[in-house]
PDB file of N, CA and C in Angstrom:
ATOM      1  N   MET A   1     143.451  43.931 133.548  1.00  0.00           N
ATOM      2  CA  MET A   1     144.487  43.179 132.893  1.00  0.00           C
ATOM      3  C   MET A   1     145.737  44.055 132.865  1.00  0.00           C
ATOM      4  N   ASP A   2     146.741  43.670 133.613  1.00  0.00           N
ATOM      5  CA  ASP A   2     147.989  44.415 133.641  1.00  0.00           C
ATOM      6  C   ASP A   2     148.901  43.914 132.538  1.00  0.00           C
ATOM      7  N   MET A   3     149.415  44.856 131.770  1.00  0.00           N
ATOM      8  CA  MET A   3     150.309  44.508 130.665  1.00  0.00           C
ATOM      9  C   MET A   3     151.592  45.297 130.788  1.00  0.00           C
ATOM     10  N   THR A   4     152.663  44.687 130.292  1.00  0.00           N
ATOM     11  CA  THR A   4     153.944  45.381 130.292  1.00  0.00           C
ATOM     12  C   THR A   4     153.974  46.369 129.129  1.00  0.00           C
ATOM     13  N   GLN A   5     154.954  47.250 129.160  1.00  0.00           N
ATOM     14  CA  GLN A   5     155.088  48.236 128.074  1.00  0.00           C
ATOM     15  C   GLN A   5     155.366  47.546 126.741  1.00  0.00           C
ATOM     16  N   LYS A   6     156.118  46.449 126.786  1.00  0.00           N
ATOM     17  CA  LYS A   6     156.415  45.710 125.550  1.00  0.00           C
ATOM     18  C   LYS A   6     155.140  45.121 124.951  1.00  0.00           C
ATOM     19  N   GLU A   7     154.286  44.553 125.800  1.00  0.00           N
ATOM     20  CA  GLU A   7     153.035  43.969 125.322  1.00  0.00           C
ATOM     21  C   GLU A   7     152.127  45.043 124.735  1.00  0.00           C
ATOM     22  N   ILE A   8     152.072  46.188 125.392  1.00  0.00           N
ATOM     23  CA  ILE A   8     151.255  47.292 124.869  1.00  0.00           C
ATOM     24  C   ILE A   8     151.794  47.762 123.529  1.00  0.00           C
ATOM     25  N   ALA A   9     153.115  47.811 123.383  1.00  0.00           N
ATOM     26  CA  ALA A   9     153.722  48.224 122.111  1.00  0.00           C
ATOM     27  C   ALA A   9     153.405  47.229 121.001  1.00  0.00           C
ATOM     28  N   VAL A  10     153.421  45.931 121.328  1.00  0.00           N
ATOM     29  CA  VAL A  10     153.091  44.909 120.334  1.00  0.00           C
ATOM     30  C   VAL A  10     151.646  45.057 119.883  1.00  0.00           C
ATOM     31  N   ILE A  11     150.744  45.287 120.824  1.00  0.00           N
ATOM     32  CA  ILE A  11     149.326  45.439 120.485  1.00  0.00           C
ATOM     33  C   ILE A  11     149.105  46.690 119.637  1.00  0.00           C
ATOM     34  N   LYS A  12     149.758  47.793 119.989  1.00  0.00           N
ATOM     35  CA  LYS A  12     149.619  49.020 119.203  1.00  0.00           C
ATOM     36  C   LYS A  12     150.180  48.839 117.793  1.00  0.00           C
ATOM     37  N   ALA A  13     151.282  48.102 117.661  1.00  0.00           N
ATOM     38  CA  ALA A  13     151.839  47.833 116.337  1.00  0.00           C
ATOM     39  C   ALA A  13     150.877  46.991 115.506  1.00  0.00           C
ATOM     40  N   ALA A  14     150.207  46.035 116.146  1.00  0.00           N
ATOM     41  CA  ALA A  14     149.227  45.204 115.435  1.00  0.00           C
ATOM     42  C   ALA A  14     148.042  46.038 114.972  1.00  0.00           C
ATOM     43  N   ILE A  15     147.593  46.964 115.807  1.00  0.00           N
ATOM     44  CA  ILE A  15     146.482  47.844 115.431  1.00  0.00           C
ATOM     45  C   ILE A  15     146.879  48.728 114.261  1.00  0.00           C
ATOM     46  N   LYS A  16     148.100  49.262 114.304  1.00  0.00           N
ATOM     47  CA  LYS A  16     148.589  50.125 113.224  1.00  0.00           C
ATOM     48  C   LYS A  16     148.690  49.342 111.909  1.00  0.00           C
ATOM     49  N   ALA A  17     149.195  48.106 111.981  1.00  0.00           N
ATOM     50  CA  ALA A  17     149.314  47.276 110.780  1.00  0.00           C
ATOM     51  C   ALA A  17     147.940  46.928 110.222  1.00  0.00           C
ATOM     52  N   ARG A  18     146.980  46.663 111.113  1.00  0.00           N
ATOM     53  CA  ARG A  18     145.620  46.361 110.660  1.00  0.00           C
ATOM     54  C   ARG A  18     145.001  47.562 109.953  1.00  0.00           C
ATOM     55  N   ASN A  19     145.203  48.747 110.514  1.00  0.00           N
ATOM     56  CA  ASN A  19     144.648  49.950 109.899  1.00  0.00           C
ATOM     57  C   ASN A  19     145.293  50.230 108.547  1.00  0.00           C
ATOM     58  N   LYS A  20     146.595  49.978 108.451  1.00  0.00           N
ATOM     59  CA  LYS A  20     147.287  50.175 107.175  1.00  0.00           C
ATOM     60  C   LYS A  20     146.766  49.191 106.139  1.00  0.00           C
ATOM     61  N   SER A  21     146.523  47.964 106.562  1.00  0.00           N
ATOM     62  CA  SER A  21     146.001  46.947 105.666  1.00  0.00           C
ATOM     63  C   SER A  21     144.596  47.307 105.195  1.00  0.00           C
ATOM     64  N   LYS A  22     143.786  47.874 106.095  1.00  0.00           N
ATOM     65  CA  LYS A  22     142.433  48.306 105.715  1.00  0.00           C
ATOM     66  C   LYS A  22     142.471  49.421 104.689  1.00  0.00           C
ATOM     67  N   LEU A  23     143.545  50.190 104.660  1.00  0.00           N
ATOM     68  CA  LEU A  23     143.688  51.270 103.686  1.00  0.00           C
ATOM     69  C   LEU A  23     144.238  50.752 102.359  1.00  0.00           C
ATOM     70  N   ILE A  24     145.211  49.859 102.428  1.00  0.00           N
ATOM     71  CA  ILE A  24     145.895  49.387 101.226  1.00  0.00           C
ATOM     72  C   ILE A  24     145.011  48.468 100.393  1.00  0.00           C
ATOM     73  N   GLN A  25     144.274  47.575 101.021  1.00  0.00           N
ATOM     74  CA  GLN A  25     143.504  46.589 100.262  1.00  0.00           C
ATOM     75  C   GLN A  25     142.435  47.210  99.362  1.00  0.00           C
ATOM     76  N   PRO A  26     141.665  48.209  99.808  1.00  0.00           N
ATOM     77  CA  PRO A  26     140.720  48.826  98.871  1.00  0.00           C
ATOM     78  C   PRO A  26     141.420  49.540  97.709  1.00  0.00           C
ATOM     79  N   ILE A  27     142.574  50.130  97.971  1.00  0.00           N
ATOM     80  CA  ILE A  27     143.323  50.785  96.897  1.00  0.00           C
ATOM     81  C   ILE A  27     143.753  49.752  95.856  1.00  0.00           C
ATOM     82  N   LEU A  28     144.261  48.614  96.316  1.00  0.00           N
ATOM     83  CA  LEU A  28     144.660  47.553  95.386  1.00  0.00           C
ATOM     84  C   LEU A  28     143.458  47.026  94.609  1.00  0.00           C
ATOM     85  N   PHE A  29     142.297  46.953  95.247  1.00  0.00           N
ATOM     86  CA  PHE A  29     141.089  46.505  94.556  1.00  0.00           C
ATOM     87  C   PHE A  29     140.698  47.484  93.450  1.00  0.00           C
ATOM     88  N   VAL A  30     140.772  48.782  93.748  1.00  0.00           N
ATOM     89  CA  VAL A  30     140.434  49.798  92.745  1.00  0.00           C
ATOM     90  C   VAL A  30     141.407  49.723  91.568  1.00  0.00           C
ATOM     91  N   VAL A  31     142.684  49.517  91.850  1.00  0.00           N
ATOM     92  CA  VAL A  31     143.673  49.383  90.776  1.00  0.00           C
ATOM     93  C   VAL A  31     143.353  48.149  89.929  1.00  0.00           C
ATOM     94  N   MET A  32     142.952  47.067  90.572  1.00  0.00           N
ATOM     95  CA  MET A  32     142.612  45.849  89.843  1.00  0.00           C
ATOM     96  C   MET A  32     141.404  46.061  88.940  1.00  0.00           C
ATOM     97  N   VAL A  33     140.374  46.697  89.462  1.00  0.00           N
ATOM     98  CA  VAL A  33     139.185  46.967  88.651  1.00  0.00           C
ATOM     99  C   VAL A  33     139.537  47.926  87.508  1.00  0.00           C
ATOM    100  N   GLY A  34     140.344  48.926  87.791  1.00  0.00           N
ATOM    101  CA  GLY A  34     140.767  49.867  86.743  1.00  0.00           C
ATOM    102  C   GLY A  34     141.562  49.184  85.649  1.00  0.00           C
ATOM    103  N   SER A  35     142.441  48.278  86.036  1.00  0.00           N
ATOM    104  CA  SER A  35     143.229  47.569  85.021  1.00  0.00           C
ATOM    105  C   SER A  35     142.347  46.605  84.228  1.00  0.00           C
ATOM    106  N   LEU A  36     141.351  46.015  84.876  1.00  0.00           N
ATOM    107  CA  LEU A  36     140.418  45.153  84.152  1.00  0.00           C
ATOM    108  C   LEU A  36     139.634  45.954  83.122  1.00  0.00           C
ATOM    109  N   LEU A  37     139.169  47.130  83.523  1.00  0.00           N
ATOM    110  CA  LEU A  37     138.453  47.986  82.572  1.00  0.00           C
ATOM    111  C   LEU A  37     139.371  48.435  81.439  1.00  0.00           C
ATOM    112  N   ALA A  38     140.631  48.752  81.771  1.00  0.00           N
ATOM    113  CA  ALA A  38     141.591  49.156  80.736  1.00  0.00           C
ATOM    114  C   ALA A  38     141.819  48.022  79.747  1.00  0.00           C
ATOM    115  N   MET A  39     141.866  46.794  80.235  1.00  0.00           N
ATOM    116  CA  MET A  39     142.047  45.655  79.338  1.00  0.00           C
ATOM    117  C   MET A  39     140.809  45.464  78.467  1.00  0.00           C
ATOM    118  N   LEU A  40     139.617  45.624  79.062  1.00  0.00           N
ATOM    119  CA  LEU A  40     138.389  45.431  78.294  1.00  0.00           C
ATOM    120  C   LEU A  40     138.227  46.481  77.200  1.00  0.00           C
ATOM    121  N   PHE A  41     138.721  47.694  77.462  1.00  0.00           N
ATOM    122  CA  PHE A  41     138.605  48.760  76.455  1.00  0.00           C
ATOM    123  C   PHE A  41     139.829  48.852  75.548  1.00  0.00           C
ATOM    124  N   GLY A  42     140.758  47.911  75.670  1.00  0.00           N
ATOM    125  CA  GLY A  42     141.875  47.828  74.751  1.00  0.00           C
ATOM    126  C   GLY A  42     143.088  48.676  75.107  1.00  0.00           C
ATOM    127  N   SER A  43     143.102  49.323  76.239  1.00  0.00           N
ATOM    128  CA  SER A  43     144.260  50.134  76.637  1.00  0.00           C
ATOM    129  C   SER A  43     145.380  49.286  77.219  1.00  0.00           C
ATOM    130  N   LEU A  44     145.053  48.080  77.632  1.00  0.00           N
ATOM    131  CA  LEU A  44     146.018  47.197  78.288  1.00  0.00           C
ATOM    132  C   LEU A  44     145.898  45.829  77.647  1.00  0.00           C
ATOM    133  N   SER A  45     147.041  45.246  77.250  1.00  0.00           N
ATOM    134  CA  SER A  45     146.986  43.923  76.621  1.00  0.00           C
ATOM    135  C   SER A  45     146.678  42.861  77.678  1.00  0.00           C
ATOM    136  N   GLY A  46     146.267  41.714  77.222  1.00  0.00           N
ATOM    137  CA  GLY A  46     145.952  40.618  78.127  1.00  0.00           C
ATOM    138  C   GLY A  46     147.167  40.163  78.914  1.00  0.00           C
ATOM    139  N   ASP A  47     148.339  40.147  78.261  1.00  0.00           N
ATOM    140  CA  ASP A  47     149.556  39.753  78.964  1.00  0.00           C
ATOM    141  C   ASP A  47     149.912  40.758  80.055  1.00  0.00           C
ATOM    142  N   GLN A  48     149.803  42.033  79.739  1.00  0.00           N
ATOM    143  CA  GLN A  48     150.099  43.058  80.743  1.00  0.00           C
ATOM    144  C   GLN A  48     149.125  42.965  81.922  1.00  0.00           C
ATOM    145  N   PHE A  49     147.866  42.719  81.606  1.00  0.00           N
ATOM    146  CA  PHE A  49     146.865  42.570  82.665  1.00  0.00           C
ATOM    147  C   PHE A  49     147.191  41.377  83.557  1.00  0.00           C
ATOM    148  N   THR A  50     147.619  40.272  82.933  1.00  0.00           N
ATOM    149  CA  THR A  50     147.957  39.075  83.706  1.00  0.00           C
ATOM    150  C   THR A  50     149.101  39.363  84.670  1.00  0.00           C
ATOM    151  N   TYR A  51     150.142  40.013  84.186  1.00  0.00           N
ATOM    152  CA  TYR A  51     151.279  40.338  85.058  1.00  0.00           C
ATOM    153  C   TYR A  51     150.849  41.281  86.183  1.00  0.00           C
ATOM    154  N   LEU A  52     150.048  42.264  85.844  1.00  0.00           N
ATOM    155  CA  LEU A  52     149.579  43.219  86.841  1.00  0.00           C
ATOM    156  C   LEU A  52     148.667  42.531  87.868  1.00  0.00           C
ATOM    157  N   ALA A  53     147.816  41.631  87.403  1.00  0.00           N
ATOM    158  CA  ALA A  53     146.903  40.921  88.314  1.00  0.00           C
ATOM    159  C   ALA A  53     147.692  40.060  89.299  1.00  0.00           C
ATOM    160  N   PHE A  54     148.710  39.348  88.796  1.00  0.00           N
ATOM    161  CA  PHE A  54     149.532  38.541  89.707  1.00  0.00           C
ATOM    162  C   PHE A  54     150.239  39.424  90.733  1.00  0.00           C
ATOM    163  N   LEU A  55     150.747  40.552  90.292  1.00  0.00           N
ATOM    164  CA  LEU A  55     151.417  41.472  91.206  1.00  0.00           C
ATOM    165  C   LEU A  55     150.453  41.999  92.272  1.00  0.00           C
ATOM    166  N   LEU A  56     149.252  42.376  91.850  1.00  0.00           N
ATOM    167  CA  LEU A  56     148.273  42.907  92.802  1.00  0.00           C
ATOM    168  C   LEU A  56     147.810  41.852  93.811  1.00  0.00           C
ATOM    169  N   VAL A  57     147.599  40.636  93.360  1.00  0.00           N
ATOM    170  CA  VAL A  57     147.211  39.565  94.278  1.00  0.00           C
ATOM    171  C   VAL A  57     148.349  39.292  95.257  1.00  0.00           C
ATOM    172  N   PHE A  58     149.571  39.264  94.762  1.00  0.00           N
ATOM    173  CA  PHE A  58     150.741  39.051  95.607  1.00  0.00           C
ATOM    174  C   PHE A  58     150.847  40.158  96.662  1.00  0.00           C
ATOM    175  N   LEU A  59     150.667  41.404  96.254  1.00  0.00           N
ATOM    176  CA  LEU A  59     150.731  42.520  97.200  1.00  0.00           C
ATOM    177  C   LEU A  59     149.590  42.476  98.215  1.00  0.00           C
ATOM    178  N   THR A  60     148.416  42.063  97.770  1.00  0.00           N
ATOM    179  CA  THR A  60     147.279  41.961  98.686  1.00  0.00           C
ATOM    180  C   THR A  60     147.539  40.906  99.760  1.00  0.00           C
ATOM    181  N   LEU A  61     148.117  39.795  99.361  1.00  0.00           N
ATOM    182  CA  LEU A  61     148.401  38.745 100.328  1.00  0.00           C
ATOM    183  C   LEU A  61     149.533  39.128 101.272  1.00  0.00           C
ATOM    184  N   LEU A  62     150.497  39.882 100.772  1.00  0.00           N
ATOM    185  CA  LEU A  62     151.650  40.235 101.601  1.00  0.00           C
ATOM    186  C   LEU A  62     151.492  41.541 102.368  1.00  0.00           C
ATOM    187  N   SER A  63     150.482  42.320 102.072  1.00  0.00           N
ATOM    188  CA  SER A  63     150.369  43.639 102.701  1.00  0.00           C
ATOM    189  C   SER A  63     150.334  43.585 104.229  1.00  0.00           C
ATOM    190  N   PRO A  64     149.679  42.610 104.863  1.00  0.00           N
ATOM    191  CA  PRO A  64     149.752  42.580 106.329  1.00  0.00           C
ATOM    192  C   PRO A  64     151.164  42.288 106.840  1.00  0.00           C
ATOM    193  N   GLN A  65     151.964  41.566 106.050  1.00  0.00           N
ATOM    194  CA  GLN A  65     153.310  41.197 106.484  1.00  0.00           C
ATOM    195  C   GLN A  65     154.335  42.297 106.217  1.00  0.00           C
ATOM    196  N   LEU A  66     154.086  43.122 105.225  1.00  0.00           N
ATOM    197  CA  LEU A  66     155.066  44.146 104.831  1.00  0.00           C
ATOM    198  C   LEU A  66     155.138  45.308 105.812  1.00  0.00           C
ATOM    199  N   GLY A  67     154.108  45.509 106.586  1.00  0.00           N
ATOM    200  CA  GLY A  67     154.062  46.664 107.472  1.00  0.00           C
ATOM    201  C   GLY A  67     154.859  46.517 108.754  1.00  0.00           C
ATOM    202  N   GLY A  68     155.599  45.443 108.899  1.00  0.00           N
ATOM    203  CA  GLY A  68     156.341  45.240 110.131  1.00  0.00           C
ATOM    204  C   GLY A  68     155.433  44.922 111.307  1.00  0.00           C
ATOM    205  N   SER A  69     154.307  44.299 111.004  1.00  0.00           N
ATOM    206  CA  SER A  69     153.354  43.994 112.069  1.00  0.00           C
ATOM    207  C   SER A  69     153.891  42.862 112.934  1.00  0.00           C
ATOM    208  N   PRO A  70     153.476  42.829 114.191  1.00  0.00           N
ATOM    209  CA  PRO A  70     153.928  41.742 115.059  1.00  0.00           C
ATOM    210  C   PRO A  70     153.361  40.415 114.579  1.00  0.00           C
ATOM    211  N   LYS A  71     154.045  39.376 114.905  1.00  0.00           N
ATOM    212  CA  LYS A  71     153.609  38.046 114.497  1.00  0.00           C
ATOM    213  C   LYS A  71     152.358  37.646 115.274  1.00  0.00           C
ATOM    214  N   TYR A  72     151.555  36.839 114.642  1.00  0.00           N
ATOM    215  CA  TYR A  72     150.317  36.366 115.250  1.00  0.00           C
ATOM    216  C   TYR A  72     150.614  35.626 116.550  1.00  0.00           C
ATOM    217  N   GLY A  73     151.698  34.852 116.561  1.00  0.00           N
ATOM    218  CA  GLY A  73     152.069  34.092 117.749  1.00  0.00           C
ATOM    219  C   GLY A  73     152.349  34.977 118.946  1.00  0.00           C
ATOM    220  N   GLU A  74     152.974  36.141 118.708  1.00  0.00           N
ATOM    221  CA  GLU A  74     153.251  37.067 119.806  1.00  0.00           C
ATOM    222  C   GLU A  74     151.957  37.558 120.446  1.00  0.00           C
ATOM    223  N   LEU A  75     150.977  37.891 119.613  1.00  0.00           N
ATOM    224  CA  LEU A  75     149.699  38.364 120.137  1.00  0.00           C
ATOM    225  C   LEU A  75     148.969  37.271 120.910  1.00  0.00           C
ATOM    226  N   VAL A  76     149.027  36.051 120.408  1.00  0.00           N
ATOM    227  CA  VAL A  76     148.385  34.942 121.106  1.00  0.00           C
ATOM    228  C   VAL A  76     149.077  34.686 122.440  1.00  0.00           C
ATOM    229  N   ASP A  77     150.401  34.796 122.478  1.00  0.00           N
ATOM    230  CA  ASP A  77     151.134  34.616 123.733  1.00  0.00           C
ATOM    231  C   ASP A  77     150.696  35.638 124.780  1.00  0.00           C
ATOM    232  N   ILE A  78     150.528  36.888 124.355  1.00  0.00           N
ATOM    233  CA  ILE A  78     150.088  37.938 125.282  1.00  0.00           C
ATOM    234  C   ILE A  78     148.693  37.612 125.818  1.00  0.00           C
ATOM    235  N   LEU A  79     147.794  37.232 124.919  1.00  0.00           N
ATOM    236  CA  LEU A  79     146.435  36.914 125.344  1.00  0.00           C
ATOM    237  C   LEU A  79     146.396  35.684 126.244  1.00  0.00           C
ATOM    238  N   GLU A  80     147.200  34.689 125.906  1.00  0.00           N
ATOM    239  CA  GLU A  80     147.217  33.471 126.705  1.00  0.00           C
ATOM    240  C   GLU A  80     147.716  33.748 128.119  1.00  0.00           C
ATOM    241  N   LYS A  81     148.695  34.625 128.233  1.00  0.00           N
ATOM    242  CA  LYS A  81     149.253  34.941 129.536  1.00  0.00           C
ATOM    243  C   LYS A  81     148.224  35.640 130.430  1.00  0.00           C
ATOM    244  N   HIS A  82     147.290  36.365 129.816  1.00  0.00           N
ATOM    245  CA  HIS A  82     146.309  37.126 130.583  1.00  0.00           C
ATOM    246  C   HIS A  82     144.959  36.417 130.712  1.00  0.00           C
ATOM    247  N   LEU A  83     144.875  35.189 130.202  1.00  0.00           N
ATOM    248  CA  LEU A  83     143.636  34.425 130.359  1.00  0.00           C
ATOM    249  C   LEU A  83     143.480  33.990 131.809  1.00  0.00           C
ATOM    250  N   PRO A  84     142.277  33.984 132.308  1.00  0.00           N
ATOM    251  CA  PRO A  84     142.091  33.439 133.658  1.00  0.00           C
ATOM    252  C   PRO A  84     142.416  31.952 133.651  1.00  0.00           C
ATOM    253  N   GLN A  85     143.094  31.520 134.652  1.00  0.00           N
ATOM    254  CA  GLN A  85     143.554  30.133 134.698  1.00  0.00           C
ATOM    255  C   GLN A  85     142.540  29.246 135.414  1.00  0.00           C
ATOM    256  N   ASN A  86     141.369  29.120 134.840  1.00  0.00           N
ATOM    257  CA  ASN A  86     140.347  28.224 135.380  1.00  0.00           C
ATOM    258  C   ASN A  86     140.745  26.789 135.042  1.00  0.00           C
ATOM    259  N   PRO A  87     140.561  25.879 135.971  1.00  0.00           N
ATOM    260  CA  PRO A  87     140.940  24.491 135.682  1.00  0.00           C
ATOM    261  C   PRO A  87     140.024  23.906 134.607  1.00  0.00           C
ATOM    262  N   THR A  88     140.638  23.207 133.691  1.00  0.00           N
ATOM    263  CA  THR A  88     139.862  22.538 132.644  1.00  0.00           C
ATOM    264  C   THR A  88     139.376  21.190 133.163  1.00  0.00           C
ATOM    265  N   MET A  89     138.495  20.577 132.424  1.00  0.00           N
ATOM    266  CA  MET A  89     137.973  19.272 132.813  1.00  0.00           C
ATOM    267  C   MET A  89     139.111  18.258 132.873  1.00  0.00           C
ATOM    268  N   GLU A  90     140.054  18.384 131.973  1.00  0.00           N
ATOM    269  CA  GLU A  90     141.205  17.479 131.968  1.00  0.00           C
ATOM    270  C   GLU A  90     142.013  17.623 133.259  1.00  0.00           C
ATOM    271  N   ASP A  91     142.211  18.865 133.713  1.00  0.00           N
ATOM    272  CA  ASP A  91     142.938  19.099 134.962  1.00  0.00           C
ATOM    273  C   ASP A  91     142.197  18.494 136.147  1.00  0.00           C
ATOM    274  N   VAL A  92     140.899  18.697 136.186  1.00  0.00           N
ATOM    275  CA  VAL A  92     140.098  18.171 137.295  1.00  0.00           C
ATOM    276  C   VAL A  92     140.144  16.653 137.307  1.00  0.00           C
ATOM    277  N   LEU A  93     140.000  16.027 136.155  1.00  0.00           N
ATOM    278  CA  LEU A  93     140.019  14.560 136.083  1.00  0.00           C
ATOM    279  C   LEU A  93     141.381  14.007 136.467  1.00  0.00           C
ATOM    280  N   SER A  94     142.450  14.655 135.997  1.00  0.00           N
ATOM    281  CA  SER A  94     143.773  14.147 136.343  1.00  0.00           C
ATOM    282  C   SER A  94     144.040  14.290 137.837  1.00  0.00           C
ATOM    283  N   GLN A  95     143.532  15.343 138.457  1.00  0.00           N
ATOM    284  CA  GLN A  95     143.686  15.489 139.902  1.00  0.00           C
ATOM    285  C   GLN A  95     142.889  14.419 140.650  1.00  0.00           C
ATOM    286  N   GLU A  96     141.702  14.113 140.181  1.00  0.00           N
ATOM    287  CA  GLU A  96     140.881  13.087 140.799  1.00  0.00           C
ATOM    288  C   GLU A  96     141.534  11.715 140.666  1.00  0.00           C
ATOM    289  N   LEU A  97     142.148  11.456 139.532  1.00  0.00           N
ATOM    290  CA  LEU A  97     142.819  10.170 139.336  1.00  0.00           C
ATOM    291  C   LEU A  97     144.042  10.046 140.222  1.00  0.00           C
ATOM    292  N   LYS A  98     144.706  11.162 140.461  1.00  0.00           N
ATOM    293  CA  LYS A  98     145.892  11.137 141.331  1.00  0.00           C
ATOM    294  C   LYS A  98     145.496  10.865 142.788  1.00  0.00           C
ATOM    295  N   LYS A  99     144.297  11.286 143.177  1.00  0.00           N
ATOM    296  CA  LYS A  99     143.831  11.080 144.553  1.00  0.00           C
ATOM    297  C   LYS A  99     143.560   9.590 144.814  1.00  0.00           C
ATOM    298  N   THR A 100     143.142   8.872 143.800  1.00  0.00           N
ATOM    299  CA  THR A 100     142.780   7.461 144.018  1.00  0.00           C
ATOM    300  C   THR A 100     143.935   6.540 143.817  1.00  0.00           C
TER     301      THR A 100
END
């Protein structure tokens, strides 16, 4: 599979963003569990826990996007371009219909 330098750079950026996300998400989980324990033992009020929980969930959902990772569509475009172009059943049928 021959790829251009731009395509290789996009793939490497996606790998880097994935690895960063794998590091950040467990850290956010530990912070969430720690804040839950702090609330249960009275060190953190329920309101503070609620605000912190919303912030942590928001960061968890956005962490793949914050790293400057390439868009999913770009990666799919690269893969689609390198797929073998085998004729689909639809292509074969449309060619057969054109012959008749």
